C-alpha atoms as a PDB file:
ATOM      1  CA  MET A   1     -21.308 -17.563 -24.990  1.00  0.00           C
ATOM      2  CA  ASN A   2     -19.001 -14.534 -24.803  1.00  0.00           C
ATOM      3  CA  LEU A   3     -18.309 -12.295 -21.841  1.00  0.00           C
ATOM      4  CA  ASN A   4     -16.358  -9.072 -21.481  1.00  0.00           C
ATOM      5  CA  GLN A   5     -16.774  -7.714 -17.946  1.00  0.00           C
ATOM      6  CA  ILE A   6     -14.429  -6.143 -15.448  1.00  0.00           C
ATOM      7  CA  LEU A   7     -15.171  -5.329 -11.797  1.00  0.00           C
ATOM      8  CA  LEU A   8     -12.932  -2.787 -10.095  1.00  0.00           C
ATOM      9  CA  ILE A   9     -12.789  -1.130  -6.671  1.00  0.00           C
ATOM     10  CA  GLY A  10     -10.336   1.695  -6.253  1.00  0.00           C
ATOM     11  CA  ARG A  11      -9.873   5.416  -5.824  1.00  0.00           C
ATOM     12  CA  ALA A  12     -10.413   8.097  -8.417  1.00  0.00           C
ATOM     13  CA  GLY A  13      -6.945   9.291  -9.387  1.00  0.00           C
ATOM     14  CA  THR A  14      -8.244  12.384 -11.160  1.00  0.00           C
ATOM     15  CA  ASP A  15     -11.282  14.578 -11.082  1.00  0.00           C
ATOM     16  CA  PRO A  16     -13.690  13.579 -13.856  1.00  0.00           C
ATOM     17  CA  GLU A  17     -13.612  15.430 -17.170  1.00  0.00           C
ATOM     18  CA  MET A  18     -16.904  15.755 -19.037  1.00  0.00           C
ATOM     19  CA  ARG A  19     -17.296  16.621 -22.717  1.00  0.00           C
ATOM     20  CA  TYR A  20     -20.027  16.234 -25.302  1.00  0.00           C
ATOM     21  CA  THR A  21     -20.091  14.351 -28.596  1.00  0.00           C
ATOM     22  CA  PRO A  22     -21.103  16.318 -31.711  1.00  0.00           C
ATOM     23  CA  SER A  23     -24.645  14.939 -31.256  1.00  0.00           C
ATOM     24  CA  GLY A  24     -24.768  16.298 -27.676  1.00  0.00           C
ATOM     25  CA  THR A  25     -24.244  13.047 -25.727  1.00  0.00           C
ATOM     26  CA  PRO A  26     -22.330  13.619 -22.468  1.00  0.00           C
ATOM     27  CA  VAL A  27     -19.147  11.568 -21.933  1.00  0.00           C
ATOM     28  CA  THR A  28     -17.063  11.615 -18.746  1.00  0.00           C
ATOM     29  CA  ASN A  29     -13.579  10.146 -18.269  1.00  0.00           C
ATOM     30  CA  PHE A  30     -11.607   9.640 -15.080  1.00  0.00           C
ATOM     31  CA  ARG A  31      -8.585   7.641 -13.988  1.00  0.00           C
ATOM     32  CA  LEU A  32      -9.020   4.871 -11.414  1.00  0.00           C
ATOM     33  CA  ALA A  33      -6.191   3.558  -9.208  1.00  0.00           C
ATOM     34  CA  VAL A  34      -6.569  -0.040  -8.016  1.00  0.00           C
ATOM     35  CA  SER A  35      -3.942  -1.146  -5.497  1.00  0.00           C
ATOM     36  CA  ASN A  36      -2.785  -4.604  -4.473  1.00  0.00           C
ATOM     37  CA  ASN A  37      -0.557  -5.424  -1.504  1.00  0.00           C
ATOM     38  CA  ARG A  38       1.986  -8.243  -1.784  1.00  0.00           C
ATOM     39  CA  ARG A  39       5.277  -9.384  -0.277  1.00  0.00           C
ATOM     40  CA  ASP A  40       8.421  -8.686  -2.288  1.00  0.00           C
ATOM     41  CA  ALA A  41      11.498 -10.957  -2.546  1.00  0.00           C
ATOM     42  CA  ASN A  42      12.746  -9.666   0.842  1.00  0.00           C
ATOM     43  CA  GLY A  43       9.461 -10.444   2.585  1.00  0.00           C
ATOM     44  CA  GLU A  44       8.537  -6.756   2.857  1.00  0.00           C
ATOM     45  CA  TRP A  45       5.020  -5.611   2.032  1.00  0.00           C
ATOM     46  CA  THR A  46       4.808  -3.554  -1.124  1.00  0.00           C
ATOM     47  CA  GLU A  47       1.896  -1.957  -2.919  1.00  0.00           C
ATOM     48  CA  ASP A  48       1.355  -2.313  -6.667  1.00  0.00           C
ATOM     49  CA  THR A  49      -1.069   0.079  -8.346  1.00  0.00           C
ATOM     50  CA  GLU A  50      -2.790  -0.466 -11.682  1.00  0.00           C
ATOM     51  CA  TRP A  51      -4.297   2.543 -13.466  1.00  0.00           C
ATOM     52  CA  PHE A  52      -7.455   2.375 -15.576  1.00  0.00           C
ATOM     53  CA  THR A  53      -9.142   4.977 -17.755  1.00  0.00           C
ATOM     54  CA  VAL A  54     -12.901   4.773 -17.125  1.00  0.00           C
ATOM     55  CA  THR A  55     -15.497   6.222 -19.492  1.00  0.00           C
ATOM     56  CA  ALA A  56     -19.130   6.844 -18.531  1.00  0.00           C
ATOM     57  CA  TRP A  57     -21.845   7.900 -20.961  1.00  0.00           C
ATOM     58  CA  GLU A  58     -25.171   9.782 -20.931  1.00  0.00           C
ATOM     59  CA  ARG A  59     -26.927  10.202 -17.532  1.00  0.00           C
ATOM     60  CA  GLN A  60     -24.228   8.256 -15.777  1.00  0.00           C
ATOM     61  CA  ALA A  61     -21.600  10.622 -17.233  1.00  0.00           C
ATOM     62  CA  GLU A  62     -23.429  13.616 -15.781  1.00  0.00           C
ATOM     63  CA  SER A  63     -23.741  11.999 -12.336  1.00  0.00           C
ATOM     64  CA  VAL A  64     -20.093  10.912 -12.241  1.00  0.00           C
ATOM     65  CA  ASN A  65     -19.024  14.399 -13.268  1.00  0.00           C
ATOM     66  CA  GLN A  66     -21.193  15.984 -10.569  1.00  0.00           C
ATOM     67  CA  TYR A  67     -20.435  13.695  -7.612  1.00  0.00           C
ATOM     68  CA  LEU A  68     -17.039  12.044  -8.165  1.00  0.00           C
ATOM     69  CA  SER A  69     -13.824  13.732  -7.136  1.00  0.00           C
ATOM     70  CA  LYS A  70     -10.187  12.738  -6.876  1.00  0.00           C
ATOM     71  CA  GLY A  71      -9.574  10.354  -3.968  1.00  0.00           C
ATOM     72  CA  ARG A  72     -13.131   8.994  -3.628  1.00  0.00           C
ATOM     73  CA  ARG A  73     -13.542   5.222  -3.498  1.00  0.00           C
ATOM     74  CA  VAL A  74     -15.696   3.779  -6.270  1.00  0.00           C
ATOM     75  CA  PHE A  75     -16.852   0.427  -7.599  1.00  0.00           C
ATOM     76  CA  VAL A  76     -16.911   0.184 -11.399  1.00  0.00           C
ATOM     77  CA  ASP A  77     -18.666  -2.559 -13.340  1.00  0.00           C
ATOM     78  CA  GLY A  78     -17.892  -2.344 -17.033  1.00  0.00           C
ATOM     79  CA  ARG A  79     -16.253  -3.864 -20.065  1.00  0.00           C
ATOM     80  CA  LEU A  80     -12.777  -3.518 -21.517  1.00  0.00           C
ATOM     81  CA  SER A  81     -12.419  -1.864 -24.899  1.00  0.00           C
ATOM     82  CA  THR A  82      -9.484  -0.799 -27.023  1.00  0.00           C
ATOM     83  CA  ARG A  83      -9.099   2.537 -28.724  1.00  0.00           C
ATOM     84  CA  GLN A  84      -6.611   3.218 -31.496  1.00  0.00           C
ATOM     85  CA  TYR A  85      -5.126   6.675 -31.925  1.00  0.00           C
ATOM     86  CA  THR A  86      -2.092   8.489 -33.307  1.00  0.00           C
ATOM     87  CA  SER A  87       0.222  10.178 -30.786  1.00  0.00           C
ATOM     88  CA  SER A  88       1.492  13.717 -31.213  1.00  0.00           C
ATOM     89  CA  SER A  89       4.757  12.237 -32.542  1.00  0.00           C
ATOM     90  CA  GLY A  90       2.828  10.351 -35.249  1.00  0.00           C
ATOM     91  CA  GLU A  91       3.047   6.887 -33.693  1.00  0.00           C
ATOM     92  CA  ALA A  92       0.045   4.540 -33.864  1.00  0.00           C
ATOM     93  CA  ARG A  93      -0.981   3.598 -30.333  1.00  0.00           C
ATOM     94  CA  THR A  94      -3.615   1.485 -28.623  1.00  0.00           C
ATOM     95  CA  SER A  95      -5.269   2.351 -25.330  1.00  0.00           C
ATOM     96  CA  LEU A  96      -7.141  -0.117 -23.100  1.00  0.00           C
ATOM     97  CA  GLU A  97     -10.157   1.519 -21.446  1.00  0.00           C
ATOM     98  CA  VAL A  98     -13.099   0.544 -19.241  1.00  0.00           C
ATOM     99  CA  ARG A  99     -16.597   1.479 -20.441  1.00  0.00           C
ATOM    100  CA  ALA A 100     -18.615   1.745 -17.237  1.00  0.00           C
ATOM    101  CA  PHE A 101     -22.015   0.086 -17.005  1.00  0.00           C
ATOM    102  CA  LYS A 102     -22.301   1.038 -13.352  1.00  0.00           C
ATOM    103  CA  VAL A 103     -20.399   3.351 -11.007  1.00  0.00           C
ATOM    104  CA  VAL A 104     -21.117   3.054  -7.275  1.00  0.00           C
ATOM    105  CA  PHE A 105     -19.767   5.669  -4.853  1.00  0.00           C
ATOM    106  CA  LEU A 106     -18.368   3.850  -1.818  1.00  0.00           C
ATOM    107  CA  ASP A 107     -17.774   6.800   0.485  1.00  0.00           C
ATOM    108  CA  SER A 108     -18.973  10.327   1.081  1.00  0.00           C
ATOM    109  CA  PRO A 109     -17.496  13.244  -0.857  1.00  0.00           C
ATOM    110  CA  SER A 110     -15.317  14.161   2.139  1.00  0.00           C
ATOM    111  CA  GLY A 111     -14.168  10.556   2.567  1.00  0.00           C
ATOM    112  CA  GLU A 112     -14.941  10.671   6.296  1.00  0.00           C
ATOM    113  CA  SER A 113     -18.362   9.089   6.585  1.00  0.00           C
ATOM    114  CA  THR A 114     -20.837   6.987   4.654  1.00  0.00           C
ATOM    115  CA  THR A 115     -23.791   9.045   5.872  1.00  0.00           C
ATOM    116  CA  ALA A 116     -25.682  10.362   2.878  1.00  0.00           C
ATOM    117  CA  THR A 117     -25.813  14.087   2.315  1.00  0.00           C
ATOM    118  CA  GLU A 118     -29.098  15.186   0.754  1.00  0.00           C
ATOM    119  CA  GLY A 119     -28.827  14.581  -2.986  1.00  0.00           C
ATOM    120  CA  VAL A 120     -25.292  13.134  -2.875  1.00  0.00           C
ATOM    121  CA  PRO A 121     -25.057   9.415  -3.714  1.00  0.00           C
ATOM    122  CA  THR A 122     -23.200   7.107  -1.341  1.00  0.00           C
ATOM    123  CA  GLU A 123     -22.517   3.405  -1.376  1.00  0.00           C
ATOM    124  CA  ALA A 124     -26.227   2.531  -1.319  1.00  0.00           C
ATOM    125  CA  GLN A 125     -26.868   4.712  -4.352  1.00  0.00           C
ATOM    126  CA  SER A 126     -25.468   4.247  -7.838  1.00  0.00           C
ATOM    127  CA  TYR A 127     -25.934   5.499 -11.354  1.00  0.00           C
ATOM    128  CA  THR A 128     -26.161   3.037 -14.203  1.00  0.00           C
ATOM    129  CA  SER A 129     -26.349   3.404 -17.942  1.00  0.00           C
ATOM    130  CA  GLN A 130     -29.724   1.628 -17.867  1.00  0.00           C
ATOM    131  CA  GLY A 131     -31.348   4.481 -15.920  1.00  0.00           C
ATOM    132  CA  SER A 132     -33.223   4.532 -12.646  1.00  0.00           C
ATOM    133  CA  GLY A 133     -35.074   1.252 -13.236  1.00  0.00           C
ATOM    134  CA  SER A 134     -32.014  -0.887 -12.501  1.00  0.00           C
ATOM    135  CA  ARG A 135     -31.417  -2.810  -9.291  1.00  0.00           C
ATOM    136  CA  GLU A 136     -29.342  -0.873  -6.785  1.00  0.00           C
ATOM    137  CA  PRO A 137     -26.807  -2.889  -4.753  1.00  0.00           C
ATOM    138  CA  ASP A 138     -27.269  -3.218  -1.009  1.00  0.00           C
ATOM    139  CA  GLU A 139     -24.378  -1.415   0.685  1.00  0.00           C
ATOM    140  CA  ASN A 140     -23.818  -4.292   3.129  1.00  0.00           C
ATOM    141  CA  ASN A 141     -23.866  -7.029   0.474  1.00  0.00           C
ATOM    142  CA  LEU A 142     -21.701  -5.497  -2.281  1.00  0.00           C
ATOM    143  CA  THR A 143     -18.862  -8.004  -1.767  1.00  0.00           C
ATOM    144  CA  GLU A 144     -21.292 -10.888  -1.368  1.00  0.00           C
ATOM    145  CA  ASP A 145     -22.989 -10.036  -4.689  1.00  0.00           C
ATOM    146  CA  VAL A 146     -19.643  -9.931  -6.492  1.00  0.00           C
ATOM    147  CA  GLU A 147     -18.560 -13.291  -5.071  1.00  0.00           C
ATOM    148  CA  GLU A 148     -21.719 -14.971  -6.368  1.00  0.00           C
ATOM    149  CA  LEU A 149     -20.855 -14.297 -10.018  1.00  0.00           C
ATOM    150  CA  PRO A 150     -20.465 -17.526 -12.051  1.00  0.00           C
ATOM    151  CA  TRP A 151     -16.911 -16.921 -13.159  1.00  0.00           C
END
């Protein structure tokens, strides 16, 4: 059995950018900052931040583009993928990216409240690449669901 899955909770570091493939499929990218607090050698608390490029496709891309904005907290369930490209200086480079299966908005657009605004998804609402038939996570059991994973 093989598995390639990554679960992230963080804040959008950029506003999403949507584009279309030549065949008309919507694709949205955004940067996600995931922070971790730890003690340094002097015993002081310090914060380390990892940055991820997240890519959403199709209906999910449209929803992320419409509702996500810089600073909003999101949960991303996806898989890691590598992309090879040539830099402007001609160097071959590799980029590690997250292809989102699911993006769940964990706060309101203003960041002040989790009360849903009509038509705006909050933590109880998500958009998945499988469409509207997928199971939506319960806002109070998000952490519990993640902890029950077999790995």
